[in-house]
Amino acid sequence: MTELRFHEDLYDGFAVDEAVRVYADFLDAELAREHETWVVKISASPHALAEGIDEVTLAAELSNYALGKTIERSRLPEDVLAAASSGEPA
């Protein structure tokens, strides 16, 4: 199991959650909140391992995706960001 930590000053929580959902076919994940940090514990799924994708690679890819989504969300206008966070159409 690999533990990833995403501090709220640097990462958007919605972006971290989306990253976990995007890679759900390749890993088992546990999400938790500790103080000012989102904690994600991952294990590579049998499917990922059969495809030659190891846990270290999955951790790096998930982290990169979360960072990219955080940057993307930081550039959205406030009204669009609020709608995206609530699940409503903009």
PDB file of N, CA and C in Angstrom:
ATOM      1  N   MET A   1       0.847  -1.171   0.000  1.00  0.00           N
ATOM      2  CA  MET A   1       0.000   0.000   0.000  1.00  0.00           C
ATOM      3  C   MET A   1       0.892   1.234   0.000  1.00  0.00           C
ATOM      4  N   THR A   2       0.497   2.225  -0.786  1.00  0.00           N
ATOM      5  CA  THR A   2       1.206   3.494  -0.870  1.00  0.00           C
ATOM      6  C   THR A   2       0.294   4.587  -0.349  1.00  0.00           C
ATOM      7  N   GLU A   3       0.840   5.460   0.482  1.00  0.00           N
ATOM      8  CA  GLU A   3       0.062   6.568   1.025  1.00  0.00           C
ATOM      9  C   GLU A   3       0.497   7.865   0.357  1.00  0.00           C
ATOM     10  N   LEU A   4      -0.477   8.587  -0.169  1.00  0.00           N
ATOM     11  CA  LEU A   4      -0.238   9.890  -0.786  1.00  0.00           C
ATOM     12  C   LEU A   4      -0.897  10.950   0.083  1.00  0.00           C
ATOM     13  N   ARG A   5      -0.240  12.096   0.232  1.00  0.00           N
ATOM     14  CA  ARG A   5      -0.781  13.174   1.049  1.00  0.00           C
ATOM     15  C   ARG A   5      -0.838  14.438   0.204  1.00  0.00           C
ATOM     16  N   PHE A   6      -2.009  15.081   0.204  1.00  0.00           N
ATOM     17  CA  PHE A   6      -2.245  16.281  -0.600  1.00  0.00           C
ATOM     18  C   PHE A   6      -2.688  17.409   0.328  1.00  0.00           C
ATOM     19  N   HIS A   7      -1.819  18.381   0.563  1.00  0.00           N
ATOM     20  CA  HIS A   7      -2.147  19.491   1.466  1.00  0.00           C
ATOM     21  C   HIS A   7      -3.152  20.419   0.794  1.00  0.00           C
ATOM     22  N   GLU A   8      -4.130  20.869   1.576  1.00  0.00           N
ATOM     23  CA  GLU A   8      -5.206  21.691   1.016  1.00  0.00           C
ATOM     24  C   GLU A   8      -4.730  23.043   0.490  1.00  0.00           C
ATOM     25  N   ASP A   9      -3.579  23.532   0.944  1.00  0.00           N
ATOM     26  CA  ASP A   9      -3.056  24.790   0.411  1.00  0.00           C
ATOM     27  C   ASP A   9      -2.545  24.624  -1.019  1.00  0.00           C
ATOM     28  N   LEU A  10      -2.262  23.392  -1.409  1.00  0.00           N
ATOM     29  CA  LEU A  10      -1.704  23.132  -2.732  1.00  0.00           C
ATOM     30  C   LEU A  10      -2.657  22.400  -3.670  1.00  0.00           C
ATOM     31  N   TYR A  11      -3.557  21.593  -3.117  1.00  0.00           N
ATOM     32  CA  TYR A  11      -4.433  20.753  -3.943  1.00  0.00           C
ATOM     33  C   TYR A  11      -5.897  21.027  -3.661  1.00  0.00           C
ATOM     34  N   ASP A  12      -6.697  20.975  -4.712  1.00  0.00           N
ATOM     35  CA  ASP A  12      -8.145  21.096  -4.622  1.00  0.00           C
ATOM     36  C   ASP A  12      -8.721  19.721  -4.272  1.00  0.00           C
ATOM     37  N   GLY A  13      -9.556  19.661  -3.263  1.00  0.00           N
ATOM     38  CA  GLY A  13     -10.130  18.388  -2.834  1.00  0.00           C
ATOM     39  C   GLY A  13     -10.943  17.696  -3.909  1.00  0.00           C
ATOM     40  N   PHE A  14     -11.677  18.478  -4.719  1.00  0.00           N
ATOM     41  CA  PHE A  14     -12.443  17.890  -5.818  1.00  0.00           C
ATOM     42  C   PHE A  14     -11.504  17.255  -6.843  1.00  0.00           C
ATOM     43  N   ALA A  15     -10.343  17.871  -7.052  1.00  0.00           N
ATOM     44  CA  ALA A  15      -9.364  17.333  -8.001  1.00  0.00           C
ATOM     45  C   ALA A  15      -8.784  16.011  -7.497  1.00  0.00           C
ATOM     46  N   VAL A  16      -8.514  15.930  -6.212  1.00  0.00           N
ATOM     47  CA  VAL A  16      -7.998  14.686  -5.633  1.00  0.00           C
ATOM     48  C   VAL A  16      -9.042  13.585  -5.773  1.00  0.00           C
ATOM     49  N   ASP A  17     -10.288  13.915  -5.449  1.00  0.00           N
ATOM     50  CA  ASP A  17     -11.373  12.938  -5.564  1.00  0.00           C
ATOM     51  C   ASP A  17     -11.540  12.464  -7.009  1.00  0.00           C
ATOM     52  N   GLU A  18     -11.485  13.391  -7.954  1.00  0.00           N
ATOM     53  CA  GLU A  18     -11.623  13.015  -9.365  1.00  0.00           C
ATOM     54  C   GLU A  18     -10.472  12.118  -9.813  1.00  0.00           C
ATOM     55  N   ALA A  19      -9.270  12.418  -9.355  1.00  0.00           N
ATOM     56  CA  ALA A  19      -8.117  11.590  -9.722  1.00  0.00           C
ATOM     57  C   ALA A  19      -8.316  10.147  -9.256  1.00  0.00           C
ATOM     58  N   VAL A  20      -8.829   9.980  -8.059  1.00  0.00           N
ATOM     59  CA  VAL A  20      -9.085   8.630  -7.546  1.00  0.00           C
ATOM     60  C   VAL A  20     -10.136   7.935  -8.405  1.00  0.00           C
ATOM     61  N   ARG A  21     -11.193   8.659  -8.786  1.00  0.00           N
ATOM     62  CA  ARG A  21     -12.238   8.058  -9.626  1.00  0.00           C
ATOM     63  C   ARG A  21     -11.707   7.678 -11.005  1.00  0.00           C
ATOM     64  N   VAL A  22     -10.852   8.509 -11.585  1.00  0.00           N
ATOM     65  CA  VAL A  22     -10.310   8.241 -12.920  1.00  0.00           C
ATOM     66  C   VAL A  22      -9.474   6.959 -12.928  1.00  0.00           C
ATOM     67  N   TYR A  23      -8.732   6.720 -11.863  1.00  0.00           N
ATOM     68  CA  TYR A  23      -7.851   5.549 -11.800  1.00  0.00           C
ATOM     69  C   TYR A  23      -8.471   4.368 -11.056  1.00  0.00           C
ATOM     70  N   ALA A  24      -9.761   4.425 -10.773  1.00  0.00           N
ATOM     71  CA  ALA A  24     -10.442   3.391  -9.976  1.00  0.00           C
ATOM     72  C   ALA A  24     -10.335   1.994 -10.577  1.00  0.00           C
ATOM     73  N   ASP A  25     -10.252   1.877 -11.898  1.00  0.00           N
ATOM     74  CA  ASP A  25     -10.130   0.553 -12.520  1.00  0.00           C
ATOM     75  C   ASP A  25      -8.765  -0.086 -12.263  1.00  0.00           C
ATOM     76  N   PHE A  26      -7.807   0.723 -11.853  1.00  0.00           N
ATOM     77  CA  PHE A  26      -6.438   0.242 -11.697  1.00  0.00           C
ATOM     78  C   PHE A  26      -5.965   0.152 -10.251  1.00  0.00           C
ATOM     79  N   LEU A  27      -6.778   0.644  -9.319  1.00  0.00           N
ATOM     80  CA  LEU A  27      -6.332   0.644  -7.931  1.00  0.00           C
ATOM     81  C   LEU A  27      -7.496   0.552  -6.963  1.00  0.00           C
ATOM     82  N   ASP A  28      -7.168   0.120  -5.763  1.00  0.00           N
ATOM     83  CA  ASP A  28      -8.088   0.187  -4.639  1.00  0.00           C
ATOM     84  C   ASP A  28      -7.626   1.374  -3.814  1.00  0.00           C
ATOM     85  N   ALA A  29      -8.566   2.213  -3.384  1.00  0.00           N
ATOM     86  CA  ALA A  29      -8.180   3.433  -2.685  1.00  0.00           C
ATOM     87  C   ALA A  29      -9.026   3.657  -1.445  1.00  0.00           C
ATOM     88  N   GLU A  30      -8.388   4.248  -0.456  1.00  0.00           N
ATOM     89  CA  GLU A  30      -9.052   4.719   0.752  1.00  0.00           C
ATOM     90  C   GLU A  30      -8.749   6.203   0.857  1.00  0.00           C
ATOM     91  N   LEU A  31      -9.787   7.009   0.999  1.00  0.00           N
ATOM     92  CA  LEU A  31      -9.606   8.447   1.143  1.00  0.00           C
ATOM     93  C   LEU A  31      -9.943   8.854   2.567  1.00  0.00           C
ATOM     94  N   ALA A  32      -9.151   9.760   3.107  1.00  0.00           N
ATOM     95  CA  ALA A  32      -9.395  10.272   4.452  1.00  0.00           C
ATOM     96  C   ALA A  32      -8.953  11.727   4.509  1.00  0.00           C
ATOM     97  N   ARG A  33      -9.412  12.401   5.534  1.00  0.00           N
ATOM     98  CA  ARG A  33      -9.036  13.794   5.750  1.00  0.00           C
ATOM     99  C   ARG A  33      -8.335  13.866   7.103  1.00  0.00           C
ATOM    100  N   GLU A  34      -7.128  14.386   7.125  1.00  0.00           N
ATOM    101  CA  GLU A  34      -6.381  14.570   8.366  1.00  0.00           C
ATOM    102  C   GLU A  34      -5.905  16.010   8.428  1.00  0.00           C
ATOM    103  N   HIS A  35      -6.411  16.741   9.391  1.00  0.00           N
ATOM    104  CA  HIS A  35      -6.058  18.142   9.586  1.00  0.00           C
ATOM    105  C   HIS A  35      -6.282  18.913   8.283  1.00  0.00           C
ATOM    106  N   GLU A  36      -5.245  19.387   7.659  1.00  0.00           N
ATOM    107  CA  GLU A  36      -5.369  20.179   6.428  1.00  0.00           C
ATOM    108  C   GLU A  36      -4.909  19.390   5.207  1.00  0.00           C
ATOM    109  N   THR A  37      -5.041  18.075   5.277  1.00  0.00           N
ATOM    110  CA  THR A  37      -4.495  17.208   4.235  1.00  0.00           C
ATOM    111  C   THR A  37      -5.490  16.132   3.830  1.00  0.00           C
ATOM    112  N   TRP A  38      -5.575  15.879   2.523  1.00  0.00           N
ATOM    113  CA  TRP A  38      -6.315  14.730   2.022  1.00  0.00           C
ATOM    114  C   TRP A  38      -5.313  13.590   1.928  1.00  0.00           C
ATOM    115  N   VAL A  39      -5.666  12.456   2.499  1.00  0.00           N
ATOM    116  CA  VAL A  39      -4.793  11.283   2.498  1.00  0.00           C
ATOM    117  C   VAL A  39      -5.438  10.225   1.611  1.00  0.00           C
ATOM    118  N   VAL A  40      -4.666   9.717   0.665  1.00  0.00           N
ATOM    119  CA  VAL A  40      -5.151   8.670  -0.233  1.00  0.00           C
ATOM    120  C   VAL A  40      -4.203   7.484  -0.104  1.00  0.00           C
ATOM    121  N   LYS A  41      -4.750   6.350   0.309  1.00  0.00           N
ATOM    122  CA  LYS A  41      -3.972   5.115   0.391  1.00  0.00           C
ATOM    123  C   LYS A  41      -4.384   4.248  -0.782  1.00  0.00           C
ATOM    124  N   ILE A  42      -3.398   3.844  -1.580  1.00  0.00           N
ATOM    125  CA  ILE A  42      -3.706   3.068  -2.782  1.00  0.00           C
ATOM    126  C   ILE A  42      -2.959   1.742  -2.806  1.00  0.00           C
ATOM    127  N   SER A  43      -3.579   0.794  -3.474  1.00  0.00           N
ATOM    128  CA  SER A  43      -2.963  -0.497  -3.794  1.00  0.00           C
ATOM    129  C   SER A  43      -3.304  -0.801  -5.244  1.00  0.00           C
ATOM    130  N   ALA A  44      -2.338  -1.249  -5.990  1.00  0.00           N
ATOM    131  CA  ALA A  44      -2.582  -1.610  -7.392  1.00  0.00           C
ATOM    132  C   ALA A  44      -3.537  -2.793  -7.448  1.00  0.00           C
ATOM    133  N   SER A  45      -4.493  -2.725  -8.359  1.00  0.00           N
ATOM    134  CA  SER A  45      -5.444  -3.829  -8.528  1.00  0.00           C
ATOM    135  C   SER A  45      -4.775  -4.974  -9.288  1.00  0.00           C
ATOM    136  N   PRO A  46      -5.330  -6.173  -9.187  1.00  0.00           N
ATOM    137  CA  PRO A  46      -4.792  -7.290  -9.975  1.00  0.00           C
ATOM    138  C   PRO A  46      -4.783  -6.969 -11.473  1.00  0.00           C
ATOM    139  N   HIS A  47      -5.809  -6.244 -11.939  1.00  0.00           N
ATOM    140  CA  HIS A  47      -5.882  -5.845 -13.353  1.00  0.00           C
ATOM    141  C   HIS A  47      -4.675  -4.986 -13.732  1.00  0.00           C
ATOM    142  N   ALA A  48      -4.348  -3.996 -12.893  1.00  0.00           N
ATOM    143  CA  ALA A  48      -3.209  -3.120 -13.180  1.00  0.00           C
ATOM    144  C   ALA A  48      -1.908  -3.916 -13.211  1.00  0.00           C
ATOM    145  N   LEU A  49      -1.736  -4.769 -12.230  1.00  0.00           N
ATOM    146  CA  LEU A  49      -0.508  -5.570 -12.168  1.00  0.00           C
ATOM    147  C   LEU A  49      -0.390  -6.487 -13.377  1.00  0.00           C
ATOM    148  N   ALA A  50      -1.518  -7.057 -13.821  1.00  0.00           N
ATOM    149  CA  ALA A  50      -1.514  -7.920 -15.010  1.00  0.00           C
ATOM    150  C   ALA A  50      -1.135  -7.137 -16.262  1.00  0.00           C
ATOM    151  N   GLU A  51      -1.462  -5.841 -16.262  1.00  0.00           N
ATOM    152  CA  GLU A  51      -1.119  -4.973 -17.395  1.00  0.00           C
ATOM    153  C   GLU A  51       0.301  -4.416 -17.280  1.00  0.00           C
ATOM    154  N   GLY A  52       1.002  -4.772 -16.207  1.00  0.00           N
ATOM    155  CA  GLY A  52       2.369  -4.299 -16.020  1.00  0.00           C
ATOM    156  C   GLY A  52       2.461  -2.919 -15.405  1.00  0.00           C
ATOM    157  N   ILE A  53       1.389  -2.474 -14.758  1.00  0.00           N
ATOM    158  CA  ILE A  53       1.365  -1.146 -14.131  1.00  0.00           C
ATOM    159  C   ILE A  53       1.553  -1.336 -12.630  1.00  0.00           C
ATOM    160  N   ASP A  54       2.674  -0.863 -12.113  1.00  0.00           N
ATOM    161  CA  ASP A  54       2.944  -1.062 -10.691  1.00  0.00           C
ATOM    162  C   ASP A  54       2.390   0.085  -9.843  1.00  0.00           C
ATOM    163  N   GLU A  55       2.433  -0.120  -8.542  1.00  0.00           N
ATOM    164  CA  GLU A  55       1.856   0.843  -7.601  1.00  0.00           C
ATOM    165  C   GLU A  55       2.578   2.190  -7.624  1.00  0.00           C
ATOM    166  N   VAL A  56       3.885   2.169  -7.803  1.00  0.00           N
ATOM    167  CA  VAL A  56       4.658   3.412  -7.855  1.00  0.00           C
ATOM    168  C   VAL A  56       4.213   4.255  -9.046  1.00  0.00           C
ATOM    169  N   THR A  57       4.019   3.619 -10.179  1.00  0.00           N
ATOM    170  CA  THR A  57       3.556   4.327 -11.375  1.00  0.00           C
ATOM    171  C   THR A  57       2.160   4.891 -11.154  1.00  0.00           C
ATOM    172  N   LEU A  58       1.272   4.096 -10.572  1.00  0.00           N
ATOM    173  CA  LEU A  58      -0.086   4.571 -10.294  1.00  0.00           C
ATOM    174  C   LEU A  58      -0.070   5.768  -9.345  1.00  0.00           C
ATOM    175  N   ALA A  59       0.768   5.718  -8.326  1.00  0.00           N
ATOM    176  CA  ALA A  59       0.865   6.830  -7.379  1.00  0.00           C
ATOM    177  C   ALA A  59       1.320   8.102  -8.091  1.00  0.00           C
ATOM    178  N   ALA A  60       2.304   7.977  -8.956  1.00  0.00           N
ATOM    179  CA  ALA A  60       2.802   9.138  -9.698  1.00  0.00           C
ATOM    180  C   ALA A  60       1.744   9.686 -10.647  1.00  0.00           C
ATOM    181  N   GLU A  61       1.055   8.802 -11.357  1.00  0.00           N
ATOM    182  CA  GLU A  61       0.028   9.239 -12.306  1.00  0.00           C
ATOM    183  C   GLU A  61      -1.147   9.898 -11.591  1.00  0.00           C
ATOM    184  N   LEU A  62      -1.594   9.306 -10.487  1.00  0.00           N
ATOM    185  CA  LEU A  62      -2.703   9.879  -9.733  1.00  0.00           C
ATOM    186  C   LEU A  62      -2.323  11.258  -9.196  1.00  0.00           C
ATOM    187  N   SER A  63      -1.127  11.386  -8.666  1.00  0.00           N
ATOM    188  CA  SER A  63      -0.659  12.675  -8.146  1.00  0.00           C
ATOM    189  C   SER A  63      -0.588  13.723  -9.242  1.00  0.00           C
ATOM    190  N   ASN A  64      -0.069  13.330 -10.392  1.00  0.00           N
ATOM    191  CA  ASN A  64       0.032  14.254 -11.515  1.00  0.00           C
ATOM    192  C   ASN A  64      -1.352  14.695 -11.986  1.00  0.00           C
ATOM    193  N   TYR A  65      -2.290  13.762 -12.050  1.00  0.00           N
ATOM    194  CA  TYR A  65      -3.655  14.086 -12.468  1.00  0.00           C
ATOM    195  C   TYR A  65      -4.279  15.062 -11.474  1.00  0.00           C
ATOM    196  N   ALA A  66      -4.111  14.797 -10.181  1.00  0.00           N
ATOM    197  CA  ALA A  66      -4.674  15.684  -9.158  1.00  0.00           C
ATOM    198  C   ALA A  66      -4.085  17.088  -9.271  1.00  0.00           C
ATOM    199  N   LEU A  67      -2.795  17.185  -9.536  1.00  0.00           N
ATOM    200  CA  LEU A  67      -2.164  18.492  -9.704  1.00  0.00           C
ATOM    201  C   LEU A  67      -2.703  19.206 -10.939  1.00  0.00           C
ATOM    202  N   GLY A  68      -2.795  18.489 -12.046  1.00  0.00           N
ATOM    203  CA  GLY A  68      -3.318  19.091 -13.274  1.00  0.00           C
ATOM    204  C   GLY A  68      -4.740  19.591 -13.114  1.00  0.00           C
ATOM    205  N   LYS A  69      -5.591  18.797 -12.460  1.00  0.00           N
ATOM    206  CA  LYS A  69      -6.977  19.209 -12.229  1.00  0.00           C
ATOM    207  C   LYS A  69      -7.048  20.392 -11.266  1.00  0.00           C
ATOM    208  N   THR A  70      -6.152  20.425 -10.289  1.00  0.00           N
ATOM    209  CA  THR A  70      -6.107  21.558  -9.362  1.00  0.00           C
ATOM    210  C   THR A  70      -5.782  22.836 -10.124  1.00  0.00           C
ATOM    211  N   ILE A  71      -4.803  22.772 -11.001  1.00  0.00           N
ATOM    212  CA  ILE A  71      -4.432  23.941 -11.809  1.00  0.00           C
ATOM    213  C   ILE A  71      -5.588  24.342 -12.708  1.00  0.00           C
ATOM    214  N   GLU A  72      -6.209  23.366 -13.354  1.00  0.00           N
ATOM    215  CA  GLU A  72      -7.346  23.639 -14.234  1.00  0.00           C
ATOM    216  C   GLU A  72      -8.473  24.329 -13.465  1.00  0.00           C
ATOM    217  N   ARG A  73      -8.808  23.811 -12.286  1.00  0.00           N
ATOM    218  CA  ARG A  73      -9.890  24.393 -11.486  1.00  0.00           C
ATOM    219  C   ARG A  73      -9.526  25.789 -10.988  1.00  0.00           C
ATOM    220  N   SER A  74      -8.249  26.048 -10.734  1.00  0.00           N
ATOM    221  CA  SER A  74      -7.841  27.364 -10.234  1.00  0.00           C
ATOM    222  C   SER A  74      -8.005  28.450 -11.290  1.00  0.00           C
ATOM    223  N   ARG A  75      -8.111  28.057 -12.536  1.00  0.00           N
ATOM    224  CA  ARG A  75      -8.249  29.022 -13.631  1.00  0.00           C
ATOM    225  C   ARG A  75      -9.699  29.256 -14.038  1.00  0.00           C
ATOM    226  N   LEU A  76     -10.632  28.536 -13.419  1.00  0.00           N
ATOM    227  CA  LEU A  76     -12.048  28.703 -13.749  1.00  0.00           C
ATOM    228  C   LEU A  76     -12.597  29.969 -13.108  1.00  0.00           C
ATOM    229  N   PRO A  77     -13.519  30.664 -13.798  1.00  0.00           N
ATOM    230  CA  PRO A  77     -14.198  31.797 -13.165  1.00  0.00           C
ATOM    231  C   PRO A  77     -14.965  31.310 -11.929  1.00  0.00           C
ATOM    232  N   GLU A  78     -15.147  32.181 -10.947  1.00  0.00           N
ATOM    233  CA  GLU A  78     -15.780  31.804  -9.683  1.00  0.00           C
ATOM    234  C   GLU A  78     -17.156  31.173  -9.862  1.00  0.00           C
ATOM    235  N   ASP A  79     -17.990  31.726 -10.761  1.00  0.00           N
ATOM    236  CA  ASP A  79     -19.343  31.178 -10.928  1.00  0.00           C
ATOM    237  C   ASP A  79     -19.298  29.775 -11.542  1.00  0.00           C
ATOM    238  N   VAL A  80     -18.392  29.541 -12.459  1.00  0.00           N
ATOM    239  CA  VAL A  80     -18.256  28.219 -13.078  1.00  0.00           C
ATOM    240  C   VAL A  80     -17.707  27.230 -12.049  1.00  0.00           C
ATOM    241  N   LEU A  81     -16.746  27.672 -11.248  1.00  0.00           N
ATOM    242  CA  LEU A  81     -16.171  26.816 -10.217  1.00  0.00           C
ATOM    243  C   LEU A  81     -17.228  26.420  -9.188  1.00  0.00           C
ATOM    244  N   ALA A  82     -18.056  27.366  -8.775  1.00  0.00           N
ATOM    245  CA  ALA A  82     -19.110  27.072  -7.801  1.00  0.00           C
ATOM    246  C   ALA A  82     -20.099  26.061  -8.367  1.00  0.00           C
ATOM    247  N   ALA A  83     -20.473  26.223  -9.627  1.00  0.00           N
ATOM    248  CA  ALA A  83     -21.404  25.289 -10.263  1.00  0.00           C
ATOM    249  C   ALA A  83     -20.766  23.907 -10.403  1.00  0.00           C
ATOM    250  N   ALA A  84     -19.501  23.865 -10.779  1.00  0.00           N
ATOM    251  CA  ALA A  84     -18.807  22.583 -10.937  1.00  0.00           C
ATOM    252  C   ALA A  84     -18.684  21.863  -9.595  1.00  0.00           C
ATOM    253  N   SER A  85     -18.463  22.613  -8.544  1.00  0.00           N
ATOM    254  CA  SER A  85     -18.325  22.019  -7.218  1.00  0.00           C
ATOM    255  C   SER A  85     -19.642  21.499  -6.677  1.00  0.00           C
ATOM    256  N   SER A  86     -20.745  22.113  -7.104  1.00  0.00           N
ATOM    257  CA  SER A  86     -22.060  21.685  -6.614  1.00  0.00           C
ATOM    258  C   SER A  86     -22.698  20.642  -7.521  1.00  0.00           C
ATOM    259  N   GLY A  87     -22.111  20.426  -8.696  1.00  0.00           N
ATOM    260  CA  GLY A  87     -22.669  19.456  -9.633  1.00  0.00           C
ATOM    261  C   GLY A  87     -23.739  20.037 -10.540  1.00  0.00           C
ATOM    262  N   GLU A  88     -23.962  21.336 -10.456  1.00  0.00           N
ATOM    263  CA  GLU A  88     -24.965  21.999 -11.297  1.00  0.00           C
ATOM    264  C   GLU A  88     -24.335  22.454 -12.609  1.00  0.00           C
ATOM    265  N   PRO A  89     -25.131  22.517 -13.682  1.00  0.00           N
ATOM    266  CA  PRO A  89     -24.595  23.049 -14.940  1.00  0.00           C
ATOM    267  C   PRO A  89     -24.309  24.538 -14.813  1.00  0.00           C
ATOM    268  N   ALA A  90     -23.266  24.990 -15.487  1.00  0.00           N
ATOM    269  CA  ALA A  90     -22.893  26.412 -15.421  1.00  0.00           C
ATOM    270  C   ALA A  90     -23.776  27.252 -16.305  1.00  0.00           C
TER     271      ALA A  90
END
